[in-house]
Amino acid sequence: MDMRRLVGLNFARLRRDKGLTQEQYAELSGFTQQYVSDLERGRRNPTVVTLFHLASPLGVEPSDLVAKIEDDGSDPA
């Protein structure tokens, strides 16, 4: 799986798990809603520093954003 797609899928899952909309996360984090949307669609290539800043408002480790997703056979798209 493409690493940008993996980060986007993990980020979206973690954000939803916290009960946050993209807009709420954007306000909380300082990232724009457009950046969050692009990230979740795999259109952004965040740096290591950005991964840290993305993870902090979610209360997770940056490594959680790059953790391999176990294939459950479903199509996330």
PDB file of N, CA and C in Angstrom:
ATOM      1  N   MET A   1       0.847  -1.178   0.000  1.00  0.00           N
ATOM      2  CA  MET A   1       0.000   0.000   0.000  1.00  0.00           C
ATOM      3  C   MET A   1       0.889   1.238   0.000  1.00  0.00           C
ATOM      4  N   ASP A   2       0.454   2.237  -0.728  1.00  0.00           N
ATOM      5  CA  ASP A   2       1.149   3.516  -0.777  1.00  0.00           C
ATOM      6  C   ASP A   2       1.178   4.143   0.625  1.00  0.00           C
ATOM      7  N   MET A   3       2.325   4.642   1.031  1.00  0.00           N
ATOM      8  CA  MET A   3       2.482   5.177   2.377  1.00  0.00           C
ATOM      9  C   MET A   3       1.582   6.390   2.622  1.00  0.00           C
ATOM     10  N   ARG A   4       1.391   7.232   1.616  1.00  0.00           N
ATOM     11  CA  ARG A   4       0.499   8.386   1.789  1.00  0.00           C
ATOM     12  C   ARG A   4      -0.929   7.922   2.057  1.00  0.00           C
ATOM     13  N   ARG A   5      -1.350   6.886   1.340  1.00  0.00           N
ATOM     14  CA  ARG A   5      -2.703   6.332   1.527  1.00  0.00           C
ATOM     15  C   ARG A   5      -2.833   5.716   2.925  1.00  0.00           C
ATOM     16  N   LEU A   6      -1.796   4.996   3.353  1.00  0.00           N
ATOM     17  CA  LEU A   6      -1.794   4.373   4.673  1.00  0.00           C
ATOM     18  C   LEU A   6      -1.932   5.419   5.776  1.00  0.00           C
ATOM     19  N   VAL A   7      -1.134   6.482   5.696  1.00  0.00           N
ATOM     20  CA  VAL A   7      -1.214   7.548   6.701  1.00  0.00           C
ATOM     21  C   VAL A   7      -2.608   8.173   6.681  1.00  0.00           C
ATOM     22  N   GLY A   8      -3.141   8.415   5.497  1.00  0.00           N
ATOM     23  CA  GLY A   8      -4.474   9.009   5.394  1.00  0.00           C
ATOM     24  C   GLY A   8      -5.557   8.139   6.006  1.00  0.00           C
ATOM     25  N   LEU A   9      -5.510   6.851   5.735  1.00  0.00           N
ATOM     26  CA  LEU A   9      -6.505   5.931   6.294  1.00  0.00           C
ATOM     27  C   LEU A   9      -6.388   5.847   7.820  1.00  0.00           C
ATOM     28  N   ASN A  10      -5.159   5.745   8.308  1.00  0.00           N
ATOM     29  CA  ASN A  10      -4.951   5.695   9.764  1.00  0.00           C
ATOM     30  C   ASN A  10      -5.407   6.989  10.424  1.00  0.00           C
ATOM     31  N   PHE A  11      -5.044   8.115   9.820  1.00  0.00           N
ATOM     32  CA  PHE A  11      -5.428   9.401  10.392  1.00  0.00           C
ATOM     33  C   PHE A  11      -6.950   9.536  10.452  1.00  0.00           C
ATOM     34  N   ALA A  12      -7.631   9.211   9.357  1.00  0.00           N
ATOM     35  CA  ALA A  12      -9.092   9.327   9.307  1.00  0.00           C
ATOM     36  C   ALA A  12      -9.741   8.443  10.371  1.00  0.00           C
ATOM     37  N   ARG A  13      -9.249   7.225  10.509  1.00  0.00           N
ATOM     38  CA  ARG A  13      -9.797   6.300  11.508  1.00  0.00           C
ATOM     39  C   ARG A  13      -9.601   6.845  12.915  1.00  0.00           C
ATOM     40  N   LEU A  14      -8.406   7.314  13.206  1.00  0.00           N
ATOM     41  CA  LEU A  14      -8.109   7.836  14.543  1.00  0.00           C
ATOM     42  C   LEU A  14      -8.914   9.098  14.841  1.00  0.00           C
ATOM     43  N   ARG A  15      -9.069   9.955  13.848  1.00  0.00           N
ATOM     44  CA  ARG A  15      -9.858  11.178  14.025  1.00  0.00           C
ATOM     45  C   ARG A  15     -11.317  10.834  14.326  1.00  0.00           C
ATOM     46  N   ARG A  16     -11.861   9.902  13.539  1.00  0.00           N
ATOM     47  CA  ARG A  16     -13.259   9.490  13.769  1.00  0.00           C
ATOM     48  C   ARG A  16     -13.413   8.811  15.124  1.00  0.00           C
ATOM     49  N   ASP A  17     -12.419   8.001  15.519  1.00  0.00           N
ATOM     50  CA  ASP A  17     -12.467   7.340  16.828  1.00  0.00           C
ATOM     51  C   ASP A  17     -12.559   8.356  17.971  1.00  0.00           C
ATOM     52  N   LYS A  18     -11.972   9.525  17.769  1.00  0.00           N
ATOM     53  CA  LYS A  18     -12.032  10.589  18.781  1.00  0.00           C
ATOM     54  C   LYS A  18     -13.320  11.400  18.661  1.00  0.00           C
ATOM     55  N   GLY A  19     -14.147  11.078  17.674  1.00  0.00           N
ATOM     56  CA  GLY A  19     -15.415  11.776  17.505  1.00  0.00           C
ATOM     57  C   GLY A  19     -15.284  13.159  16.906  1.00  0.00           C
ATOM     58  N   LEU A  20     -14.213  13.389  16.155  1.00  0.00           N
ATOM     59  CA  LEU A  20     -13.961  14.705  15.577  1.00  0.00           C
ATOM     60  C   LEU A  20     -14.280  14.733  14.091  1.00  0.00           C
ATOM     61  N   THR A  21     -14.897  15.821  13.653  1.00  0.00           N
ATOM     62  CA  THR A  21     -15.041  16.060  12.219  1.00  0.00           C
ATOM     63  C   THR A  21     -13.726  16.642  11.710  1.00  0.00           C
ATOM     64  N   GLN A  22     -13.587  16.709  10.409  1.00  0.00           N
ATOM     65  CA  GLN A  22     -12.397  17.352   9.854  1.00  0.00           C
ATOM     66  C   GLN A  22     -12.308  18.802  10.314  1.00  0.00           C
ATOM     67  N   GLU A  23     -13.427  19.478  10.335  1.00  0.00           N
ATOM     68  CA  GLU A  23     -13.455  20.883  10.743  1.00  0.00           C
ATOM     69  C   GLU A  23     -13.056  21.049  12.209  1.00  0.00           C
ATOM     70  N   GLN A  24     -13.566  20.177  13.059  1.00  0.00           N
ATOM     71  CA  GLN A  24     -13.216  20.245  14.484  1.00  0.00           C
ATOM     72  C   GLN A  24     -11.729  19.980  14.688  1.00  0.00           C
ATOM     73  N   TYR A  25     -11.204  18.975  13.968  1.00  0.00           N
ATOM     74  CA  TYR A  25      -9.783  18.684  14.086  1.00  0.00           C
ATOM     75  C   TYR A  25      -8.966  19.880  13.612  1.00  0.00           C
ATOM     76  N   ALA A  26      -9.382  20.490  12.518  1.00  0.00           N
ATOM     77  CA  ALA A  26      -8.655  21.649  11.978  1.00  0.00           C
ATOM     78  C   ALA A  26      -8.592  22.779  13.010  1.00  0.00           C
ATOM     79  N   GLU A  27      -9.702  23.061  13.658  1.00  0.00           N
ATOM     80  CA  GLU A  27      -9.716  24.110  14.679  1.00  0.00           C
ATOM     81  C   GLU A  27      -8.818  23.758  15.856  1.00  0.00           C
ATOM     82  N   LEU A  28      -8.860  22.517  16.258  1.00  0.00           N
ATOM     83  CA  LEU A  28      -8.078  22.048  17.393  1.00  0.00           C
ATOM     84  C   LEU A  28      -6.578  22.066  17.099  1.00  0.00           C
ATOM     85  N   SER A  29      -6.213  21.721  15.877  1.00  0.00           N
ATOM     86  CA  SER A  29      -4.808  21.494  15.539  1.00  0.00           C
ATOM     87  C   SER A  29      -4.100  22.665  14.879  1.00  0.00           C
ATOM     88  N   GLY A  30      -4.845  23.520  14.194  1.00  0.00           N
ATOM     89  CA  GLY A  30      -4.206  24.591  13.429  1.00  0.00           C
ATOM     90  C   GLY A  30      -3.970  24.227  11.980  1.00  0.00           C
ATOM     91  N   PHE A  31      -4.181  22.958  11.612  1.00  0.00           N
ATOM     92  CA  PHE A  31      -4.119  22.565  10.210  1.00  0.00           C
ATOM     93  C   PHE A  31      -5.414  23.029   9.545  1.00  0.00           C
ATOM     94  N   THR A  32      -5.374  23.281   8.252  1.00  0.00           N
ATOM     95  CA  THR A  32      -6.601  23.667   7.561  1.00  0.00           C
ATOM     96  C   THR A  32      -7.454  22.435   7.287  1.00  0.00           C
ATOM     97  N   GLN A  33      -8.744  22.653   7.130  1.00  0.00           N
ATOM     98  CA  GLN A  33      -9.644  21.551   6.796  1.00  0.00           C
ATOM     99  C   GLN A  33      -9.253  20.969   5.446  1.00  0.00           C
ATOM    100  N   GLN A  34      -8.795  21.806   4.522  1.00  0.00           N
ATOM    101  CA  GLN A  34      -8.368  21.319   3.205  1.00  0.00           C
ATOM    102  C   GLN A  34      -7.159  20.395   3.333  1.00  0.00           C
ATOM    103  N   TYR A  35      -6.207  20.736   4.205  1.00  0.00           N
ATOM    104  CA  TYR A  35      -5.047  19.877   4.422  1.00  0.00           C
ATOM    105  C   TYR A  35      -5.490  18.528   4.975  1.00  0.00           C
ATOM    106  N   VAL A  36      -6.390  18.565   5.959  1.00  0.00           N
ATOM    107  CA  VAL A  36      -6.886  17.329   6.564  1.00  0.00           C
ATOM    108  C   VAL A  36      -7.569  16.465   5.507  1.00  0.00           C
ATOM    109  N   SER A  37      -8.389  17.077   4.685  1.00  0.00           N
ATOM    110  CA  SER A  37      -9.083  16.346   3.621  1.00  0.00           C
ATOM    111  C   SER A  37      -8.085  15.726   2.642  1.00  0.00           C
ATOM    112  N   ASP A  38      -7.124  16.514   2.203  1.00  0.00           N
ATOM    113  CA  ASP A  38      -6.098  16.004   1.272  1.00  0.00           C
ATOM    114  C   ASP A  38      -5.287  14.881   1.913  1.00  0.00           C
ATOM    115  N   LEU A  39      -4.960  15.026   3.184  1.00  0.00           N
ATOM    116  CA  LEU A  39      -4.212  13.996   3.900  1.00  0.00           C
ATOM    117  C   LEU A  39      -4.987  12.691   3.914  1.00  0.00           C
ATOM    118  N   GLU A  40      -6.262  12.761   4.243  1.00  0.00           N
ATOM    119  CA  GLU A  40      -7.078  11.554   4.341  1.00  0.00           C
ATOM    120  C   GLU A  40      -7.274  10.879   2.988  1.00  0.00           C
ATOM    121  N   ARG A  41      -7.171  11.632   1.909  1.00  0.00           N
ATOM    122  CA  ARG A  41      -7.302  11.057   0.570  1.00  0.00           C
ATOM    123  C   ARG A  41      -5.952  10.630  -0.014  1.00  0.00           C
ATOM    124  N   GLY A  42      -4.893  10.727   0.786  1.00  0.00           N
ATOM    125  CA  GLY A  42      -3.578  10.296   0.331  1.00  0.00           C
ATOM    126  C   GLY A  42      -2.915  11.247  -0.637  1.00  0.00           C
ATOM    127  N   ARG A  43      -3.315  12.500  -0.589  1.00  0.00           N
ATOM    128  CA  ARG A  43      -2.762  13.497  -1.512  1.00  0.00           C
ATOM    129  C   ARG A  43      -1.692  14.360  -0.870  1.00  0.00           C
ATOM    130  N   ARG A  44      -1.370  14.102   0.363  1.00  0.00           N
ATOM    131  CA  ARG A  44      -0.316  14.822   1.077  1.00  0.00           C
ATOM    132  C   ARG A  44       0.770  13.844   1.472  1.00  0.00           C
ATOM    133  N   ASN A  45       1.975  14.364   1.555  1.00  0.00           N
ATOM    134  CA  ASN A  45       3.130  13.563   1.935  1.00  0.00           C
ATOM    135  C   ASN A  45       3.752  14.220   3.175  1.00  0.00           C
ATOM    136  N   PRO A  46       3.178  13.959   4.362  1.00  0.00           N
ATOM    137  CA  PRO A  46       3.636  14.662   5.559  1.00  0.00           C
ATOM    138  C   PRO A  46       5.051  14.280   5.966  1.00  0.00           C
ATOM    139  N   THR A  47       5.762  15.267   6.494  1.00  0.00           N
ATOM    140  CA  THR A  47       7.106  15.022   7.015  1.00  0.00           C
ATOM    141  C   THR A  47       6.998  14.342   8.384  1.00  0.00           C
ATOM    142  N   VAL A  48       8.120  13.919   8.889  1.00  0.00           N
ATOM    143  CA  VAL A  48       8.159  13.307  10.216  1.00  0.00           C
ATOM    144  C   VAL A  48       7.687  14.316  11.268  1.00  0.00           C
ATOM    145  N   VAL A  49       8.082  15.545  11.137  1.00  0.00           N
ATOM    146  CA  VAL A  49       7.665  16.584  12.080  1.00  0.00           C
ATOM    147  C   VAL A  49       6.148  16.786  11.988  1.00  0.00           C
ATOM    148  N   THR A  50       5.609  16.778  10.776  1.00  0.00           N
ATOM    149  CA  THR A  50       4.167  16.947  10.591  1.00  0.00           C
ATOM    150  C   THR A  50       3.415  15.779  11.214  1.00  0.00           C
ATOM    151  N   LEU A  51       3.929  14.564  11.081  1.00  0.00           N
ATOM    152  CA  LEU A  51       3.290  13.406  11.711  1.00  0.00           C
ATOM    153  C   LEU A  51       3.165  13.620  13.220  1.00  0.00           C
ATOM    154  N   PHE A  52       4.204  14.176  13.828  1.00  0.00           N
ATOM    155  CA  PHE A  52       4.170  14.464  15.262  1.00  0.00           C
ATOM    156  C   PHE A  52       3.054  15.458  15.571  1.00  0.00           C
ATOM    157  N   HIS A  53       2.958  16.525  14.768  1.00  0.00           N
ATOM    158  CA  HIS A  53       1.944  17.561  15.003  1.00  0.00           C
ATOM    159  C   HIS A  53       0.537  17.066  14.695  1.00  0.00           C
ATOM    160  N   LEU A  54       0.403  16.140  13.767  1.00  0.00           N
ATOM    161  CA  LEU A  54      -0.907  15.550  13.467  1.00  0.00           C
ATOM    162  C   LEU A  54      -1.366  14.641  14.611  1.00  0.00           C
ATOM    163  N   ALA A  55      -0.443  13.888  15.175  1.00  0.00           N
ATOM    164  CA  ALA A  55      -0.781  12.905  16.209  1.00  0.00           C
ATOM    165  C   ALA A  55      -1.105  13.545  17.555  1.00  0.00           C
ATOM    166  N   SER A  56      -0.424  14.614  17.894  1.00  0.00           N
ATOM    167  CA  SER A  56      -0.572  15.220  19.223  1.00  0.00           C
ATOM    168  C   SER A  56      -2.011  15.570  19.590  1.00  0.00           C
ATOM    169  N   PRO A  57      -2.776  16.270  18.751  1.00  0.00           N
ATOM    170  CA  PRO A  57      -4.160  16.598  19.135  1.00  0.00           C
ATOM    171  C   PRO A  57      -5.057  15.365  19.282  1.00  0.00           C
ATOM    172  N   LEU A  58      -4.658  14.269  18.660  1.00  0.00           N
ATOM    173  CA  LEU A  58      -5.447  13.037  18.758  1.00  0.00           C
ATOM    174  C   LEU A  58      -5.061  12.210  19.980  1.00  0.00           C
ATOM    175  N   GLY A  59      -3.968  12.590  20.629  1.00  0.00           N
ATOM    176  CA  GLY A  59      -3.513  11.838  21.788  1.00  0.00           C
ATOM    177  C   GLY A  59      -2.947  10.474  21.429  1.00  0.00           C
ATOM    178  N   VAL A  60      -2.357  10.378  20.235  1.00  0.00           N
ATOM    179  CA  VAL A  60      -1.765   9.123  19.789  1.00  0.00           C
ATOM    180  C   VAL A  60      -0.290   9.343  19.473  1.00  0.00           C
ATOM    181  N   GLU A  61       0.415   8.267  19.247  1.00  0.00           N
ATOM    182  CA  GLU A  61       1.822   8.336  18.865  1.00  0.00           C
ATOM    183  C   GLU A  61       1.931   8.537  17.353  1.00  0.00           C
ATOM    184  N   PRO A  62       2.941   9.264  16.882  1.00  0.00           N
ATOM    185  CA  PRO A  62       3.135   9.411  15.442  1.00  0.00           C
ATOM    186  C   PRO A  62       3.234   8.059  14.724  1.00  0.00           C
ATOM    187  N   SER A  63       3.773   7.074  15.399  1.00  0.00           N
ATOM    188  CA  SER A  63       3.894   5.744  14.789  1.00  0.00           C
ATOM    189  C   SER A  63       2.533   5.124  14.501  1.00  0.00           C
ATOM    190  N   ASP A  64       1.492   5.548  15.233  1.00  0.00           N
ATOM    191  CA  ASP A  64       0.147   5.046  14.966  1.00  0.00           C
ATOM    192  C   ASP A  64      -0.338   5.464  13.576  1.00  0.00           C
ATOM    193  N   LEU A  65       0.197   6.552  13.067  1.00  0.00           N
ATOM    194  CA  LEU A  65      -0.212   7.040  11.744  1.00  0.00           C
ATOM    195  C   LEU A  65       0.420   6.244  10.605  1.00  0.00           C
ATOM    196  N   VAL A  66       1.511   5.548  10.896  1.00  0.00           N
ATOM    197  CA  VAL A  66       2.187   4.780   9.853  1.00  0.00           C
ATOM    198  C   VAL A  66       2.094   3.272  10.078  1.00  0.00           C
ATOM    199  N   ALA A  67       1.348   2.870  11.108  1.00  0.00           N
ATOM    200  CA  ALA A  67       1.195   1.443  11.410  1.00  0.00           C
ATOM    201  C   ALA A  67       0.441   0.755  10.287  1.00  0.00           C
ATOM    202  N   LYS A  68       0.897  -0.426   9.944  1.00  0.00           N
ATOM    203  CA  LYS A  68       0.245  -1.191   8.880  1.00  0.00           C
ATOM    204  C   LYS A  68      -1.164  -1.593   9.315  1.00  0.00           C
ATOM    205  N   ILE A  69      -2.095  -1.431   8.406  1.00  0.00           N
ATOM    206  CA  ILE A  69      -3.475  -1.795   8.647  1.00  0.00           C
ATOM    207  C   ILE A  69      -3.642  -3.260   8.291  1.00  0.00           C
ATOM    208  N   GLU A  70      -4.260  -4.016   9.192  1.00  0.00           N
ATOM    209  CA  GLU A  70      -4.535  -5.412   8.877  1.00  0.00           C
ATOM    210  C   GLU A  70      -5.636  -5.476   7.853  1.00  0.00           C
ATOM    211  N   ASP A  71      -5.452  -6.278   6.832  1.00  0.00           N
ATOM    212  CA  ASP A  71      -6.426  -6.420   5.756  1.00  0.00           C
ATOM    213  C   ASP A  71      -7.606  -7.251   6.226  1.00  0.00           C
ATOM    214  N   ASP A  72      -8.776  -6.602   6.303  1.00  0.00           N
ATOM    215  CA  ASP A  72      -9.968  -7.332   6.723  1.00  0.00           C
ATOM    216  C   ASP A  72     -10.826  -7.750   5.534  1.00  0.00           C
ATOM    217  N   GLY A  73     -10.298  -7.510   4.338  1.00  0.00           N
ATOM    218  CA  GLY A  73     -11.004  -7.913   3.129  1.00  0.00           C
ATOM    219  C   GLY A  73     -11.983  -6.884   2.607  1.00  0.00           C
ATOM    220  N   SER A  74     -12.201  -5.802   3.377  1.00  0.00           N
ATOM    221  CA  SER A  74     -13.133  -4.783   2.906  1.00  0.00           C
ATOM    222  C   SER A  74     -12.406  -3.748   2.075  1.00  0.00           C
ATOM    223  N   ASP A  75     -13.151  -3.050   1.254  1.00  0.00           N
ATOM    224  CA  ASP A  75     -12.583  -1.990   0.433  1.00  0.00           C
ATOM    225  C   ASP A  75     -12.928  -0.668   1.082  1.00  0.00           C
ATOM    226  N   PRO A  76     -11.906   0.088   1.600  1.00  0.00           N
ATOM    227  CA  PRO A  76     -12.185   1.312   2.324  1.00  0.00           C
ATOM    228  C   PRO A  76     -12.679   2.445   1.444  1.00  0.00           C
ATOM    229  N   ALA A  77     -12.585   2.305   0.145  1.00  0.00           N
ATOM    230  CA  ALA A  77     -12.974   3.402  -0.755  1.00  0.00           C
ATOM    231  C   ALA A  77     -14.420   3.453  -1.067  1.00  0.00           C
TER     232      ALA A  77
END
